[in-house]
Amino acid sequence: MNRLFKTAYYILIAGIASVAILLAVSVFPIPGNYEVKIVLSGSMEPAIKTGSVVVIKPSDNYKIGDIITFGKDTKKDIPTTHRIIEARAVEGKMLYKTKGDANKSPDTKEVREKEIVGKEVFTIPFLGYLLEFAKKPIGFLLIIIVPALAVAGDEVKKIWKEVKRLREKKKNETV
């Protein structure tokens, strides 16, 4: 039973750390590096489910079949993640026609290479719901702070027991 508890405890710590890292990367992306985006629509299903996390990285070359994220990423504008279905060069600049896998027709506007944020490295289904919840104050409190305090409290309790044990040992040695 104790071994099972310890295993669950370490899995909890790893889970908290993973969510915290993904949350930090999604809130404070580093330009030119890996970024974490949350897919909010079903346009890429079944390849990418709604609520998934997609990890993207800028690339020097994009080709037909790549899943890319493009467009502005502001409070009002949400970037799009779709598949490249056509590529062509115009005056030395690449233009890409994109389409969501679940959409019947391609996107109306072609994407310029400079509008691409990056291409998909991997996705984690449904983790986006958790990250979106964790971005809200109550979610952050419940998903990050409370478990972290529980882990810290448990560690303080272990340290206190060890200090108490060492004091008892020292007391018994002096008597």
N, C-alpha and C. Protein backbone atom coordinates (compact mmCIF):
# COMPACT_ATOMS: atom_id res chain seq x y z
N MET A 1 0.83 -1.19 0.00
CA MET A 1 0.00 0.00 0.00
C MET A 1 0.87 1.26 0.00
N ASN A 2 1.95 1.25 0.81
CA ASN A 2 2.84 2.39 0.89
C ASN A 2 3.54 2.63 -0.45
N ARG A 3 3.94 1.57 -1.14
CA ARG A 3 4.59 1.69 -2.44
C ARG A 3 3.63 2.30 -3.47
N LEU A 4 2.37 1.89 -3.43
CA LEU A 4 1.35 2.42 -4.33
C LEU A 4 1.14 3.92 -4.07
N PHE A 5 1.11 4.30 -2.79
CA PHE A 5 0.95 5.71 -2.43
C PHE A 5 2.13 6.54 -2.95
N LYS A 6 3.35 6.02 -2.77
CA LYS A 6 4.54 6.74 -3.23
C LYS A 6 4.52 6.90 -4.75
N THR A 7 4.13 5.85 -5.46
CA THR A 7 4.06 5.92 -6.92
C THR A 7 3.04 6.98 -7.35
N ALA A 8 1.87 6.96 -6.74
CA ALA A 8 0.84 7.96 -7.05
C ALA A 8 1.34 9.36 -6.72
N TYR A 9 2.05 9.50 -5.63
CA TYR A 9 2.60 10.78 -5.20
C TYR A 9 3.56 11.33 -6.24
N TYR A 10 4.48 10.50 -6.73
CA TYR A 10 5.46 10.95 -7.72
C TYR A 10 4.81 11.22 -9.07
N ILE A 11 3.78 10.47 -9.40
CA ILE A 11 3.03 10.74 -10.64
C ILE A 11 2.33 12.10 -10.51
N LEU A 12 1.77 12.38 -9.35
CA LEU A 12 1.13 13.68 -9.11
C LEU A 12 2.13 14.81 -9.26
N ILE A 13 3.31 14.66 -8.68
CA ILE A 13 4.35 15.69 -8.78
C ILE A 13 4.75 15.90 -10.24
N ALA A 14 4.95 14.81 -10.97
CA ALA A 14 5.32 14.91 -12.39
C ALA A 14 4.20 15.57 -13.19
N GLY A 15 2.96 15.24 -12.88
CA GLY A 15 1.82 15.85 -13.57
C GLY A 15 1.73 17.34 -13.30
N ILE A 16 1.90 17.73 -12.05
CA ILE A 16 1.87 19.16 -11.69
C ILE A 16 2.99 19.89 -12.42
N ALA A 17 4.18 19.33 -12.40
CA ALA A 17 5.31 19.97 -13.07
C ALA A 17 5.08 20.09 -14.57
N SER A 18 4.54 19.04 -15.19
CA SER A 18 4.27 19.06 -16.63
C SER A 18 3.24 20.12 -16.99
N VAL A 19 2.15 20.18 -16.25
CA VAL A 19 1.12 21.18 -16.51
C VAL A 19 1.68 22.58 -16.29
N ALA A 20 2.47 22.76 -15.25
CA ALA A 20 3.06 24.07 -14.97
C ALA A 20 3.99 24.50 -16.10
N ILE A 21 4.80 23.59 -16.60
CA ILE A 21 5.72 23.91 -17.69
C ILE A 21 4.94 24.24 -18.96
N LEU A 22 3.95 23.41 -19.32
CA LEU A 22 3.14 23.68 -20.50
C LEU A 22 2.39 25.00 -20.36
N LEU A 23 1.89 25.27 -19.17
CA LEU A 23 1.18 26.53 -18.93
C LEU A 23 2.12 27.71 -19.12
N ALA A 24 3.32 27.62 -18.57
CA ALA A 24 4.30 28.71 -18.72
C ALA A 24 4.67 28.91 -20.18
N VAL A 25 4.89 27.83 -20.91
CA VAL A 25 5.26 27.93 -22.32
C VAL A 25 4.10 28.50 -23.14
N SER A 26 2.86 28.14 -22.79
CA SER A 26 1.72 28.65 -23.57
C SER A 26 1.44 30.12 -23.26
N VAL A 27 1.75 30.56 -22.05
CA VAL A 27 1.51 31.95 -21.66
C VAL A 27 2.67 32.85 -22.10
N PHE A 28 3.89 32.36 -22.00
CA PHE A 28 5.08 33.14 -22.34
C PHE A 28 5.89 32.45 -23.43
N PRO A 29 5.37 32.42 -24.68
CA PRO A 29 6.11 31.73 -25.73
C PRO A 29 7.42 32.45 -26.07
N ILE A 30 8.42 31.70 -26.47
CA ILE A 30 9.71 32.24 -26.86
C ILE A 30 9.74 32.23 -28.39
N PRO A 31 9.78 33.41 -29.03
CA PRO A 31 9.77 33.45 -30.49
C PRO A 31 10.91 32.63 -31.08
N GLY A 32 10.61 31.89 -32.15
CA GLY A 32 11.62 31.06 -32.81
C GLY A 32 11.86 29.74 -32.12
N ASN A 33 11.10 29.45 -31.10
CA ASN A 33 11.28 28.22 -30.34
C ASN A 33 9.97 27.44 -30.35
N TYR A 34 9.93 26.34 -29.62
CA TYR A 34 8.69 25.58 -29.51
C TYR A 34 7.62 26.44 -28.86
N GLU A 35 6.39 26.29 -29.34
CA GLU A 35 5.26 26.99 -28.73
C GLU A 35 4.15 25.99 -28.51
N VAL A 36 3.34 26.25 -27.52
CA VAL A 36 2.19 25.41 -27.21
C VAL A 36 0.94 26.20 -27.55
N LYS A 37 0.09 25.60 -28.38
CA LYS A 37 -1.17 26.23 -28.76
C LYS A 37 -2.30 25.27 -28.41
N ILE A 38 -3.46 25.84 -28.13
CA ILE A 38 -4.63 25.04 -27.80
C ILE A 38 -5.59 25.10 -28.98
N VAL A 39 -6.01 23.94 -29.45
CA VAL A 39 -6.93 23.87 -30.59
C VAL A 39 -8.36 24.00 -30.06
N LEU A 40 -9.04 25.05 -30.52
CA LEU A 40 -10.37 25.37 -29.98
C LEU A 40 -11.51 24.95 -30.90
N SER A 41 -11.20 24.47 -32.10
CA SER A 41 -12.27 24.08 -33.02
C SER A 41 -12.04 22.65 -33.52
N GLY A 42 -13.04 22.12 -34.18
CA GLY A 42 -12.95 20.76 -34.69
C GLY A 42 -12.55 20.68 -36.15
N SER A 43 -12.00 21.76 -36.70
CA SER A 43 -11.68 21.79 -38.13
C SER A 43 -10.60 20.80 -38.54
N MET A 44 -9.79 20.33 -37.60
CA MET A 44 -8.71 19.39 -37.94
C MET A 44 -9.00 17.97 -37.48
N GLU A 45 -10.22 17.70 -37.04
CA GLU A 45 -10.55 16.34 -36.61
C GLU A 45 -10.61 15.43 -37.82
N PRO A 46 -10.23 14.20 -37.73
CA PRO A 46 -9.81 13.44 -36.55
C PRO A 46 -8.32 13.56 -36.21
N ALA A 47 -7.52 14.23 -37.06
CA ALA A 47 -6.07 14.31 -36.81
C ALA A 47 -5.77 15.02 -35.49
N ILE A 48 -6.46 16.14 -35.25
CA ILE A 48 -6.27 16.90 -34.00
C ILE A 48 -7.66 17.17 -33.43
N LYS A 49 -7.91 16.62 -32.28
CA LYS A 49 -9.22 16.75 -31.63
C LYS A 49 -9.38 18.13 -30.99
N THR A 50 -10.61 18.59 -30.91
CA THR A 50 -10.92 19.85 -30.21
C THR A 50 -10.44 19.73 -28.77
N GLY A 51 -9.80 20.79 -28.28
CA GLY A 51 -9.30 20.78 -26.91
C GLY A 51 -7.91 20.18 -26.78
N SER A 52 -7.29 19.83 -27.90
CA SER A 52 -5.93 19.28 -27.85
C SER A 52 -4.91 20.39 -27.71
N VAL A 53 -3.74 20.01 -27.25
CA VAL A 53 -2.59 20.90 -27.23
C VAL A 53 -1.76 20.52 -28.45
N VAL A 54 -1.36 21.51 -29.22
CA VAL A 54 -0.47 21.26 -30.36
C VAL A 54 0.84 21.99 -30.07
N VAL A 55 1.94 21.26 -30.16
CA VAL A 55 3.26 21.85 -29.97
C VAL A 55 3.81 22.12 -31.37
N ILE A 56 4.20 23.38 -31.60
CA ILE A 56 4.68 23.79 -32.92
C ILE A 56 6.08 24.36 -32.81
N LYS A 57 6.78 24.33 -33.94
CA LYS A 57 8.12 24.91 -34.03
C LYS A 57 8.28 25.51 -35.41
N PRO A 58 8.84 26.73 -35.49
CA PRO A 58 9.09 27.32 -36.80
C PRO A 58 10.03 26.43 -37.61
N SER A 59 9.89 26.49 -38.93
CA SER A 59 10.69 25.66 -39.82
C SER A 59 11.18 26.50 -40.99
N ASP A 60 12.21 26.03 -41.63
CA ASP A 60 12.73 26.73 -42.82
C ASP A 60 12.00 26.31 -44.08
N ASN A 61 11.36 25.14 -44.03
CA ASN A 61 10.63 24.69 -45.22
C ASN A 61 9.32 24.03 -44.81
N TYR A 62 8.28 24.43 -45.51
CA TYR A 62 6.95 23.87 -45.29
C TYR A 62 6.54 23.20 -46.59
N LYS A 63 5.89 22.04 -46.47
CA LYS A 63 5.51 21.32 -47.67
C LYS A 63 4.07 20.84 -47.57
N ILE A 64 3.55 20.40 -48.69
CA ILE A 64 2.19 19.89 -48.74
C ILE A 64 2.06 18.73 -47.76
N GLY A 65 1.00 18.76 -46.98
CA GLY A 65 0.77 17.73 -45.97
C GLY A 65 1.14 18.16 -44.56
N ASP A 66 2.00 19.18 -44.44
CA ASP A 66 2.36 19.68 -43.11
C ASP A 66 1.16 20.35 -42.46
N ILE A 67 1.04 20.16 -41.16
CA ILE A 67 0.03 20.88 -40.38
C ILE A 67 0.74 22.09 -39.79
N ILE A 68 0.23 23.28 -40.13
CA ILE A 68 0.87 24.52 -39.70
C ILE A 68 -0.09 25.38 -38.87
N THR A 69 0.48 26.23 -38.06
CA THR A 69 -0.30 27.22 -37.32
C THR A 69 0.10 28.58 -37.88
N PHE A 70 -0.90 29.38 -38.22
CA PHE A 70 -0.63 30.66 -38.85
C PHE A 70 -1.62 31.71 -38.37
N GLY A 71 -1.24 32.97 -38.57
CA GLY A 71 -2.11 34.08 -38.19
C GLY A 71 -1.69 34.72 -36.90
N LYS A 72 -2.37 35.82 -36.58
CA LYS A 72 -2.06 36.59 -35.37
C LYS A 72 -2.51 35.83 -34.13
N ASP A 73 -1.79 36.07 -33.04
CA ASP A 73 -2.13 35.46 -31.75
C ASP A 73 -2.21 36.58 -30.72
N THR A 74 -3.40 37.19 -30.65
CA THR A 74 -3.63 38.28 -29.69
C THR A 74 -4.87 37.93 -28.88
N LYS A 75 -5.28 38.84 -28.02
CA LYS A 75 -6.50 38.59 -27.23
C LYS A 75 -7.73 38.48 -28.12
N LYS A 76 -7.72 39.21 -29.26
CA LYS A 76 -8.86 39.19 -30.17
C LYS A 76 -8.69 38.19 -31.32
N ASP A 77 -7.46 37.96 -31.74
CA ASP A 77 -7.17 37.08 -32.88
C ASP A 77 -6.60 35.75 -32.40
N ILE A 78 -7.16 34.69 -32.93
CA ILE A 78 -6.70 33.34 -32.58
C ILE A 78 -6.06 32.74 -33.82
N PRO A 79 -4.84 32.21 -33.70
CA PRO A 79 -4.22 31.61 -34.87
C PRO A 79 -4.98 30.34 -35.32
N THR A 80 -4.76 29.97 -36.55
CA THR A 80 -5.43 28.81 -37.14
C THR A 80 -4.41 27.69 -37.32
N THR A 81 -4.84 26.46 -37.09
CA THR A 81 -4.00 25.29 -37.34
C THR A 81 -4.68 24.45 -38.41
N HIS A 82 -4.11 24.42 -39.60
CA HIS A 82 -4.65 23.66 -40.74
C HIS A 82 -3.53 23.00 -41.52
N ARG A 83 -3.92 22.15 -42.45
CA ARG A 83 -2.97 21.39 -43.26
C ARG A 83 -2.70 22.12 -44.59
N ILE A 84 -1.44 22.11 -45.02
CA ILE A 84 -1.09 22.68 -46.33
C ILE A 84 -1.55 21.69 -47.41
N ILE A 85 -2.33 22.20 -48.38
CA ILE A 85 -2.79 21.34 -49.46
C ILE A 85 -2.20 21.75 -50.81
N GLU A 86 -1.62 22.96 -50.87
CA GLU A 86 -1.02 23.45 -52.10
C GLU A 86 0.05 24.47 -51.74
N ALA A 87 1.12 24.51 -52.53
CA ALA A 87 2.18 25.50 -52.32
C ALA A 87 2.62 26.04 -53.67
N ARG A 88 2.87 27.34 -53.71
CA ARG A 88 3.36 27.94 -54.95
C ARG A 88 4.21 29.16 -54.62
N ALA A 89 5.15 29.46 -55.51
CA ALA A 89 6.02 30.62 -55.34
C ALA A 89 5.53 31.75 -56.23
N VAL A 90 5.45 32.95 -55.67
CA VAL A 90 5.08 34.15 -56.43
C VAL A 90 6.13 35.20 -56.11
N GLU A 91 6.87 35.61 -57.14
CA GLU A 91 7.94 36.60 -56.99
C GLU A 91 8.91 36.21 -55.87
N GLY A 92 9.27 34.96 -55.82
CA GLY A 92 10.23 34.46 -54.84
C GLY A 92 9.68 34.25 -53.44
N LYS A 93 8.41 34.51 -53.24
CA LYS A 93 7.78 34.32 -51.93
C LYS A 93 6.81 33.15 -52.01
N MET A 94 6.81 32.33 -50.97
CA MET A 94 5.93 31.15 -50.95
C MET A 94 4.53 31.53 -50.45
N LEU A 95 3.54 30.97 -51.14
CA LEU A 95 2.14 31.08 -50.72
C LEU A 95 1.61 29.68 -50.54
N TYR A 96 0.81 29.49 -49.49
CA TYR A 96 0.27 28.16 -49.19
C TYR A 96 -1.24 28.22 -49.12
N LYS A 97 -1.86 27.21 -49.73
CA LYS A 97 -3.31 27.05 -49.60
C LYS A 97 -3.49 26.01 -48.50
N THR A 98 -4.38 26.30 -47.56
CA THR A 98 -4.58 25.42 -46.41
C THR A 98 -6.04 24.99 -46.31
N LYS A 99 -6.25 23.94 -45.52
CA LYS A 99 -7.60 23.41 -45.33
C LYS A 99 -7.63 22.62 -44.03
N GLY A 100 -8.69 22.78 -43.28
CA GLY A 100 -8.89 21.93 -42.12
C GLY A 100 -9.34 20.56 -42.60
N ASP A 101 -8.85 19.50 -41.99
CA ASP A 101 -9.20 18.14 -42.42
C ASP A 101 -10.71 17.89 -42.41
N ALA A 102 -11.41 18.49 -41.47
CA ALA A 102 -12.86 18.28 -41.36
C ALA A 102 -13.67 19.25 -42.22
N ASN A 103 -13.01 20.23 -42.81
CA ASN A 103 -13.70 21.21 -43.64
C ASN A 103 -13.89 20.68 -45.06
N LYS A 104 -15.00 21.07 -45.68
CA LYS A 104 -15.28 20.61 -47.05
C LYS A 104 -14.45 21.37 -48.08
N SER A 105 -14.20 22.64 -47.82
CA SER A 105 -13.47 23.44 -48.81
C SER A 105 -12.23 24.08 -48.18
N PRO A 106 -11.26 24.45 -49.02
CA PRO A 106 -10.04 25.08 -48.51
C PRO A 106 -10.32 26.46 -47.93
N ASP A 107 -9.37 26.96 -47.19
CA ASP A 107 -9.46 28.32 -46.65
C ASP A 107 -9.46 29.31 -47.81
N THR A 108 -10.17 30.40 -47.66
CA THR A 108 -10.32 31.36 -48.76
C THR A 108 -9.05 32.16 -49.01
N LYS A 109 -8.30 32.45 -47.97
CA LYS A 109 -7.09 33.26 -48.09
C LYS A 109 -5.85 32.38 -48.08
N GLU A 110 -4.95 32.63 -49.03
CA GLU A 110 -3.67 31.92 -49.02
C GLU A 110 -2.80 32.47 -47.90
N VAL A 111 -1.93 31.63 -47.39
CA VAL A 111 -1.07 31.99 -46.27
C VAL A 111 0.33 32.29 -46.79
N ARG A 112 0.84 33.47 -46.44
CA ARG A 112 2.22 33.81 -46.78
C ARG A 112 3.15 33.17 -45.76
N GLU A 113 4.34 32.84 -46.20
CA GLU A 113 5.30 32.16 -45.33
C GLU A 113 5.57 32.95 -44.04
N LYS A 114 5.59 34.28 -44.13
CA LYS A 114 5.87 35.08 -42.94
C LYS A 114 4.71 35.06 -41.93
N GLU A 115 3.53 34.60 -42.35
CA GLU A 115 2.39 34.51 -41.44
C GLU A 115 2.39 33.19 -40.64
N ILE A 116 3.25 32.26 -41.02
CA ILE A 116 3.28 30.95 -40.36
C ILE A 116 4.05 31.06 -39.05
N VAL A 117 3.42 30.61 -37.97
CA VAL A 117 4.05 30.60 -36.65
C VAL A 117 4.95 29.38 -36.52
N GLY A 118 4.50 28.25 -37.06
CA GLY A 118 5.29 27.03 -37.01
C GLY A 118 4.49 25.84 -37.48
N LYS A 119 5.18 24.69 -37.56
CA LYS A 119 4.47 23.48 -37.95
C LYS A 119 4.40 22.51 -36.77
N GLU A 120 3.40 21.66 -36.83
CA GLU A 120 3.12 20.74 -35.74
C GLU A 120 4.28 19.78 -35.51
N VAL A 121 4.67 19.65 -34.25
CA VAL A 121 5.68 18.67 -33.86
C VAL A 121 4.95 17.45 -33.28
N PHE A 122 4.02 17.72 -32.35
CA PHE A 122 3.15 16.66 -31.82
C PHE A 122 1.94 17.29 -31.15
N THR A 123 0.94 16.46 -30.87
CA THR A 123 -0.26 16.93 -30.19
C THR A 123 -0.55 16.04 -28.99
N ILE A 124 -1.23 16.63 -28.02
CA ILE A 124 -1.68 15.88 -26.85
C ILE A 124 -3.19 16.10 -26.75
N PRO A 125 -3.98 15.06 -27.03
CA PRO A 125 -5.44 15.22 -27.03
C PRO A 125 -5.99 15.66 -25.68
N PHE A 126 -6.91 16.60 -25.74
CA PHE A 126 -7.73 17.07 -24.61
C PHE A 126 -6.99 17.81 -23.51
N LEU A 127 -5.67 17.87 -23.53
CA LEU A 127 -4.92 18.59 -22.49
C LEU A 127 -5.18 20.09 -22.56
N GLY A 128 -5.61 20.57 -23.71
CA GLY A 128 -5.91 21.99 -23.87
C GLY A 128 -7.01 22.47 -22.94
N TYR A 129 -8.00 21.61 -22.70
CA TYR A 129 -9.07 21.99 -21.77
C TYR A 129 -8.49 22.27 -20.39
N LEU A 130 -7.57 21.43 -19.96
CA LEU A 130 -6.93 21.59 -18.65
C LEU A 130 -6.09 22.87 -18.62
N LEU A 131 -5.33 23.14 -19.68
CA LEU A 131 -4.51 24.34 -19.72
C LEU A 131 -5.36 25.61 -19.75
N GLU A 132 -6.45 25.59 -20.51
CA GLU A 132 -7.34 26.74 -20.54
C GLU A 132 -7.93 27.00 -19.16
N PHE A 133 -8.33 25.93 -18.46
CA PHE A 133 -8.85 26.06 -17.11
C PHE A 133 -7.77 26.59 -16.17
N ALA A 134 -6.54 26.11 -16.34
CA ALA A 134 -5.44 26.53 -15.47
C ALA A 134 -5.05 27.99 -15.69
N LYS A 135 -5.39 28.56 -16.84
CA LYS A 135 -5.08 29.97 -17.11
C LYS A 135 -6.02 30.91 -16.34
N LYS A 136 -7.15 30.40 -15.90
CA LYS A 136 -8.10 31.20 -15.13
C LYS A 136 -7.66 31.16 -13.66
N PRO A 137 -7.93 32.21 -12.90
CA PRO A 137 -7.48 32.24 -11.50
C PRO A 137 -7.94 31.03 -10.67
N ILE A 138 -9.20 30.65 -10.78
CA ILE A 138 -9.68 29.50 -9.99
C ILE A 138 -9.04 28.20 -10.46
N GLY A 139 -8.84 28.09 -11.76
CA GLY A 139 -8.19 26.90 -12.31
C GLY A 139 -6.75 26.80 -11.87
N PHE A 140 -6.04 27.94 -11.90
CA PHE A 140 -4.64 27.96 -11.47
C PHE A 140 -4.55 27.56 -10.01
N LEU A 141 -5.47 28.07 -9.22
CA LEU A 141 -5.49 27.74 -7.80
C LEU A 141 -5.71 26.24 -7.59
N LEU A 142 -6.70 25.68 -8.28
CA LEU A 142 -7.05 24.27 -8.07
C LEU A 142 -6.06 23.29 -8.70
N ILE A 143 -5.50 23.64 -9.84
CA ILE A 143 -4.65 22.69 -10.57
C ILE A 143 -3.17 22.82 -10.19
N ILE A 144 -2.72 24.02 -9.89
CA ILE A 144 -1.30 24.23 -9.60
C ILE A 144 -1.05 24.50 -8.12
N ILE A 145 -1.68 25.51 -7.57
CA ILE A 145 -1.36 25.96 -6.22
C ILE A 145 -1.73 24.94 -5.14
N VAL A 146 -2.97 24.44 -5.16
CA VAL A 146 -3.41 23.51 -4.11
C VAL A 146 -2.56 22.23 -4.10
N PRO A 147 -2.38 21.55 -5.25
CA PRO A 147 -1.52 20.36 -5.21
C PRO A 147 -0.07 20.70 -4.82
N ALA A 148 0.44 21.83 -5.28
CA ALA A 148 1.81 22.21 -4.93
C ALA A 148 1.93 22.44 -3.42
N LEU A 149 0.92 23.08 -2.84
CA LEU A 149 0.93 23.29 -1.38
C LEU A 149 0.83 21.96 -0.64
N ALA A 150 0.04 21.03 -1.18
CA ALA A 150 -0.08 19.71 -0.55
C ALA A 150 1.26 18.99 -0.58
N VAL A 151 1.96 19.05 -1.70
CA VAL A 151 3.28 18.42 -1.82
C VAL A 151 4.26 19.11 -0.88
N ALA A 152 4.26 20.45 -0.87
CA ALA A 152 5.18 21.18 0.00
C ALA A 152 4.87 20.88 1.48
N GLY A 153 3.59 20.82 1.82
CA GLY A 153 3.21 20.49 3.20
C GLY A 153 3.68 19.12 3.61
N ASP A 154 3.57 18.17 2.70
CA ASP A 154 4.03 16.81 2.98
C ASP A 154 5.55 16.79 3.20
N GLU A 155 6.28 17.56 2.40
CA GLU A 155 7.73 17.62 2.55
C GLU A 155 8.12 18.28 3.88
N VAL A 156 7.41 19.34 4.26
CA VAL A 156 7.68 20.01 5.54
C VAL A 156 7.42 19.03 6.69
N LYS A 157 6.34 18.26 6.57
CA LYS A 157 6.01 17.25 7.60
C LYS A 157 7.13 16.22 7.72
N LYS A 158 7.68 15.77 6.59
CA LYS A 158 8.78 14.80 6.62
C LYS A 158 10.02 15.40 7.27
N ILE A 159 10.32 16.65 6.93
CA ILE A 159 11.49 17.33 7.51
C ILE A 159 11.29 17.49 9.01
N TRP A 160 10.11 17.89 9.44
CA TRP A 160 9.81 18.06 10.87
C TRP A 160 9.99 16.74 11.61
N LYS A 161 9.49 15.64 11.05
CA LYS A 161 9.65 14.33 11.69
C LYS A 161 11.12 13.96 11.81
N GLU A 162 11.90 14.24 10.77
CA GLU A 162 13.32 13.91 10.79
C GLU A 162 14.05 14.76 11.83
N VAL A 163 13.74 16.04 11.92
CA VAL A 163 14.35 16.92 12.92
C VAL A 163 14.01 16.42 14.32
N LYS A 164 12.76 16.05 14.52
CA LYS A 164 12.30 15.54 15.81
C LYS A 164 13.05 14.24 16.17
N ARG A 165 13.20 13.36 15.17
CA ARG A 165 13.90 12.09 15.37
C ARG A 165 15.35 12.34 15.74
N LEU A 166 16.01 13.28 15.06
CA LEU A 166 17.41 13.58 15.35
C LEU A 166 17.57 14.21 16.73
N ARG A 167 16.63 15.05 17.13
CA ARG A 167 16.68 15.63 18.48
C ARG A 167 16.55 14.55 19.54
N GLU A 168 15.63 13.62 19.32
CA GLU A 168 15.43 12.51 20.26
C GLU A 168 16.69 11.66 20.35
N LYS A 169 17.29 11.40 19.19
CA LYS A 169 18.51 10.59 19.16
C LYS A 169 19.63 11.29 19.91
N LYS A 170 19.78 12.60 19.68
CA LYS A 170 20.83 13.37 20.36
C LYS A 170 20.57 13.42 21.87
N LYS A 171 19.28 13.56 22.24
CA LYS A 171 18.90 13.62 23.65
C LYS A 171 19.22 12.29 24.34
N ASN A 172 18.92 11.19 23.66
CA ASN A 172 19.18 9.86 24.22
C ASN A 172 20.67 9.57 24.32
N GLU A 173 21.48 10.11 23.41
CA GLU A 173 22.91 9.88 23.44
C GLU A 173 23.57 10.66 24.59
N THR A 174 23.04 11.81 24.93
CA THR A 174 23.63 12.63 25.99
C THR A 174 23.24 12.14 27.39
N VAL A 175 22.16 11.38 27.47
CA VAL A 175 21.69 10.93 28.79
C VAL A 175 22.43 9.72 29.25
